[in-house]
Amino acid sequence: MICTVSKAQQFQVQFSNGRHSALADTTKDKGGGGAGFRPHELLEAALATCMNMAATMYAAKHNIPLAQVITKVTLDHSDSEQVVFSYSVGLSGDLTVQQKEAITSAMRVCLVRQTLSRGVRFLD
């Protein structure tokens, strides 16, 4: 569970899971202070970090010499009817083409991607 608390600075919000905390904010041109992640950036971060962890976990489980993973995720706002995430992946290490393909496949089924791919409803 995430708990949020509004701060004195307009639009600034501290969020915490009870162990770790960070700040969310909006950009200065929208009245915020730019002191933290924007809410949509947190969605991008959730997907990017999950994909990155999935790659690392898969490589560790299969003894693949993966040195580093870089994932970049962007939420495309151009379609008002559909949520579209685009991403790029960089894998480094002494990897074969087959190992890279297997890691990439594992990233495509990370839990956050699975969650975001389902229909969403909200309980008040």
Foldseek 3Di string as FASTA:
>chain_A
DKDWDDDPFPQWIWIDPVPDIFIEGDDVVVRTDPRGHHPVVVLQVVLQVQLQVQLVVVCVVVVNFWDHKGKGKDWDPPDVVDTDIDMDMDIDDPGDPVSVVVSNVSSCPGPSNVVVVDDDDDDD
